[in-house]
């Protein structure tokens, strides 16, 4: 999930239309209002899960953030 979000943030096709940096230096990003379903559907395609919802994806995002499984996005801006 962290690689997927990083790839979206580094892709001009999705940034800033679906996701955007709030603070790039700190690795803080935002999913654009109204685009959460679309982003979840993209993640569902990656995971081969046609029933992916933003609620499910959001739960995973919170889990990995709370457990510090997310790496710092600012470290891979390259």
N, C-alpha and C. Protein backbone atom coordinates (compact mmCIF):
# COMPACT_ATOMS: atom_id res chain seq x y z
N UNK A 1 0.82 -1.20 0.00
CA UNK A 1 0.00 0.00 0.00
C UNK A 1 0.86 1.26 0.00
N UNK A 2 1.95 1.21 0.74
CA UNK A 2 2.83 2.39 0.76
C UNK A 2 3.46 2.63 -0.61
N UNK A 3 3.87 1.56 -1.30
CA UNK A 3 4.43 1.73 -2.65
C UNK A 3 3.38 2.25 -3.62
N UNK A 4 2.16 1.77 -3.50
CA UNK A 4 1.06 2.22 -4.34
C UNK A 4 0.82 3.72 -4.15
N UNK A 5 0.75 4.16 -2.90
CA UNK A 5 0.52 5.58 -2.62
C UNK A 5 1.70 6.42 -3.12
N UNK A 6 2.91 5.94 -2.91
CA UNK A 6 4.09 6.65 -3.41
C UNK A 6 4.04 6.80 -4.92
N UNK A 7 3.66 5.72 -5.60
CA UNK A 7 3.58 5.77 -7.06
C UNK A 7 2.52 6.76 -7.54
N UNK A 8 1.38 6.80 -6.87
CA UNK A 8 0.35 7.79 -7.22
C UNK A 8 0.86 9.21 -7.03
N UNK A 9 1.52 9.43 -5.91
CA UNK A 9 2.03 10.77 -5.59
C UNK A 9 3.11 11.22 -6.57
N UNK A 10 3.85 10.29 -7.13
CA UNK A 10 4.91 10.63 -8.08
C UNK A 10 4.45 10.62 -9.53
N UNK A 11 3.16 10.36 -9.76
CA UNK A 11 2.64 10.26 -11.12
C UNK A 11 1.78 11.49 -11.43
N UNK A 12 2.18 12.30 -12.41
CA UNK A 12 1.41 13.51 -12.74
C UNK A 12 -0.01 13.21 -13.24
N UNK A 13 -0.28 11.97 -13.63
CA UNK A 13 -1.63 11.60 -14.03
C UNK A 13 -2.57 11.61 -12.81
N UNK A 14 -2.03 11.37 -11.60
CA UNK A 14 -2.85 11.28 -10.39
C UNK A 14 -2.58 12.40 -9.39
N UNK A 15 -1.43 13.01 -9.47
CA UNK A 15 -1.07 14.09 -8.55
C UNK A 15 -1.03 15.39 -9.35
N UNK A 16 -1.88 16.35 -9.12
CA UNK A 16 -2.73 16.58 -7.96
C UNK A 16 -4.21 16.27 -8.17
N UNK A 17 -4.58 15.54 -9.22
CA UNK A 17 -6.01 15.33 -9.48
C UNK A 17 -6.67 14.37 -8.49
N UNK A 18 -5.92 13.38 -7.97
CA UNK A 18 -6.49 12.39 -7.04
C UNK A 18 -5.83 12.43 -5.67
N UNK A 19 -4.54 12.66 -5.66
CA UNK A 19 -3.77 12.75 -4.41
C UNK A 19 -2.85 13.96 -4.53
N UNK A 20 -2.46 14.49 -3.41
CA UNK A 20 -1.52 15.61 -3.45
C UNK A 20 -0.73 15.65 -2.16
N UNK A 21 0.43 16.27 -2.26
CA UNK A 21 1.26 16.47 -1.09
C UNK A 21 0.69 17.60 -0.25
N UNK A 22 0.60 17.39 1.04
CA UNK A 22 0.30 18.45 1.99
C UNK A 22 1.60 19.05 2.48
N UNK A 23 2.56 18.17 2.74
CA UNK A 23 3.90 18.59 3.14
C UNK A 23 4.87 17.53 2.63
N UNK A 24 5.43 17.78 1.48
CA UNK A 24 6.28 16.80 0.82
C UNK A 24 7.51 16.46 1.66
N UNK A 25 8.10 17.47 2.29
CA UNK A 25 9.30 17.24 3.10
C UNK A 25 9.03 16.30 4.26
N UNK A 26 7.82 16.35 4.82
CA UNK A 26 7.46 15.47 5.94
C UNK A 26 6.76 14.20 5.48
N UNK A 27 6.50 14.09 4.18
CA UNK A 27 5.85 12.89 3.65
C UNK A 27 4.36 12.83 3.93
N UNK A 28 3.72 13.99 4.12
CA UNK A 28 2.29 14.04 4.43
C UNK A 28 1.51 14.30 3.14
N UNK A 29 0.53 13.45 2.87
CA UNK A 29 -0.25 13.58 1.66
C UNK A 29 -1.74 13.55 1.97
N UNK A 30 -2.55 13.89 0.97
CA UNK A 30 -4.00 13.89 1.11
C UNK A 30 -4.61 13.26 -0.14
N UNK A 31 -5.66 12.47 0.07
CA UNK A 31 -6.46 11.98 -1.04
C UNK A 31 -7.53 13.05 -1.27
N UNK A 32 -7.65 13.50 -2.51
CA UNK A 32 -8.55 14.60 -2.86
C UNK A 32 -10.00 14.20 -2.59
N UNK A 33 -10.75 15.12 -2.01
CA UNK A 33 -12.17 14.90 -1.73
C UNK A 33 -12.89 14.53 -3.02
N UNK A 34 -13.69 13.49 -2.95
CA UNK A 34 -14.42 13.02 -4.12
C UNK A 34 -13.66 12.00 -4.95
N UNK A 35 -12.40 11.77 -4.64
CA UNK A 35 -11.57 10.82 -5.40
C UNK A 35 -11.25 9.56 -4.60
N UNK A 36 -11.74 9.47 -3.38
CA UNK A 36 -11.39 8.33 -2.53
C UNK A 36 -11.89 7.01 -3.12
N UNK A 37 -13.09 7.00 -3.69
CA UNK A 37 -13.61 5.78 -4.29
C UNK A 37 -12.74 5.35 -5.48
N UNK A 38 -12.34 6.32 -6.30
CA UNK A 38 -11.49 6.02 -7.45
C UNK A 38 -10.14 5.45 -7.01
N UNK A 39 -9.53 6.07 -6.01
CA UNK A 39 -8.23 5.59 -5.50
C UNK A 39 -8.38 4.18 -4.94
N UNK A 40 -9.47 3.94 -4.21
CA UNK A 40 -9.70 2.60 -3.65
C UNK A 40 -9.90 1.57 -4.76
N UNK A 41 -10.59 1.97 -5.84
CA UNK A 41 -10.77 1.05 -6.96
C UNK A 41 -9.44 0.72 -7.64
N UNK A 42 -8.57 1.73 -7.76
CA UNK A 42 -7.22 1.46 -8.30
C UNK A 42 -6.47 0.47 -7.41
N UNK A 43 -6.55 0.67 -6.10
CA UNK A 43 -5.89 -0.24 -5.16
C UNK A 43 -6.51 -1.64 -5.27
N UNK A 44 -7.82 -1.70 -5.44
CA UNK A 44 -8.49 -2.99 -5.61
C UNK A 44 -8.01 -3.72 -6.85
N UNK A 45 -7.74 -2.98 -7.91
CA UNK A 45 -7.21 -3.60 -9.13
C UNK A 45 -5.84 -4.21 -8.86
N UNK A 46 -5.01 -3.48 -8.14
CA UNK A 46 -3.67 -3.99 -7.79
C UNK A 46 -3.78 -5.25 -6.95
N UNK A 47 -4.71 -5.24 -5.99
CA UNK A 47 -4.87 -6.37 -5.06
C UNK A 47 -5.78 -7.46 -5.62
N UNK A 48 -6.28 -7.25 -6.85
CA UNK A 48 -7.18 -8.23 -7.47
C UNK A 48 -8.43 -8.42 -6.60
N UNK A 49 -8.97 -7.30 -6.09
CA UNK A 49 -10.14 -7.32 -5.22
C UNK A 49 -11.17 -6.32 -5.76
N UNK A 50 -12.14 -6.83 -6.51
CA UNK A 50 -13.13 -5.96 -7.13
C UNK A 50 -14.09 -5.34 -6.11
N UNK A 51 -14.06 -5.81 -4.87
CA UNK A 51 -14.95 -5.29 -3.84
C UNK A 51 -14.24 -4.31 -2.89
N UNK A 52 -13.07 -3.82 -3.30
CA UNK A 52 -12.32 -2.88 -2.46
C UNK A 52 -13.12 -1.58 -2.32
N UNK A 53 -13.20 -1.09 -1.09
CA UNK A 53 -13.84 0.19 -0.80
C UNK A 53 -12.83 1.10 -0.13
N UNK A 54 -13.15 2.39 -0.07
CA UNK A 54 -12.26 3.30 0.62
C UNK A 54 -12.22 2.99 2.11
N UNK A 55 -13.32 2.51 2.66
CA UNK A 55 -13.34 2.14 4.08
C UNK A 55 -12.30 1.05 4.37
N UNK A 56 -12.25 0.05 3.49
CA UNK A 56 -11.27 -1.03 3.66
C UNK A 56 -9.85 -0.51 3.46
N UNK A 57 -9.66 0.27 2.41
CA UNK A 57 -8.33 0.82 2.15
C UNK A 57 -7.91 1.77 3.27
N UNK A 58 -8.84 2.60 3.73
CA UNK A 58 -8.56 3.54 4.81
C UNK A 58 -8.16 2.83 6.09
N UNK A 59 -8.81 1.70 6.36
CA UNK A 59 -8.46 0.90 7.54
C UNK A 59 -7.02 0.43 7.43
N UNK A 60 -6.64 -0.01 6.25
CA UNK A 60 -5.25 -0.46 6.04
C UNK A 60 -4.27 0.70 6.17
N UNK A 61 -4.64 1.85 5.63
CA UNK A 61 -3.76 3.03 5.76
C UNK A 61 -3.56 3.40 7.22
N UNK A 62 -4.64 3.39 7.98
CA UNK A 62 -4.52 3.73 9.42
C UNK A 62 -3.68 2.69 10.15
N UNK A 63 -3.90 1.42 9.84
CA UNK A 63 -3.15 0.35 10.50
C UNK A 63 -1.66 0.49 10.25
N UNK A 64 -1.28 0.64 8.99
CA UNK A 64 0.15 0.72 8.72
C UNK A 64 0.75 2.01 9.26
N UNK A 65 -0.02 3.09 9.28
CA UNK A 65 0.49 4.34 9.86
C UNK A 65 0.65 4.21 11.36
N UNK A 66 -0.33 3.61 12.02
CA UNK A 66 -0.27 3.44 13.48
C UNK A 66 0.82 2.47 13.91
N UNK A 67 1.08 1.49 13.08
CA UNK A 67 2.09 0.49 13.41
C UNK A 67 3.46 0.87 12.87
N UNK A 68 3.56 2.05 12.28
CA UNK A 68 4.81 2.56 11.71
C UNK A 68 5.33 1.64 10.60
N UNK A 69 4.43 1.00 9.87
CA UNK A 69 4.85 0.17 8.75
C UNK A 69 5.10 1.02 7.52
N UNK A 70 4.50 2.21 7.49
CA UNK A 70 4.72 3.12 6.38
C UNK A 70 6.12 3.68 6.50
N UNK A 71 6.84 3.70 5.41
CA UNK A 71 8.11 4.37 5.42
C UNK A 71 7.86 5.86 5.19
N UNK A 72 8.82 6.65 5.45
CA UNK A 72 8.70 8.09 5.25
C UNK A 72 8.77 8.38 3.75
N UNK A 73 7.67 8.88 3.19
CA UNK A 73 7.63 9.16 1.76
C UNK A 73 8.71 10.14 1.35
N UNK A 74 9.08 11.04 2.24
CA UNK A 74 10.10 12.03 1.86
C UNK A 74 11.45 11.37 1.62
N UNK A 75 11.66 10.16 2.11
CA UNK A 75 12.93 9.46 1.89
C UNK A 75 13.06 8.92 0.47
N UNK A 76 11.93 8.81 -0.25
CA UNK A 76 12.01 8.18 -1.57
C UNK A 76 11.56 9.14 -2.66
N UNK A 77 11.72 10.40 -2.47
CA UNK A 77 11.28 11.37 -3.46
C UNK A 77 12.20 11.43 -4.66
N UNK A 78 13.43 11.03 -4.47
CA UNK A 78 14.45 10.91 -5.45
C UNK A 78 14.45 11.77 -6.59
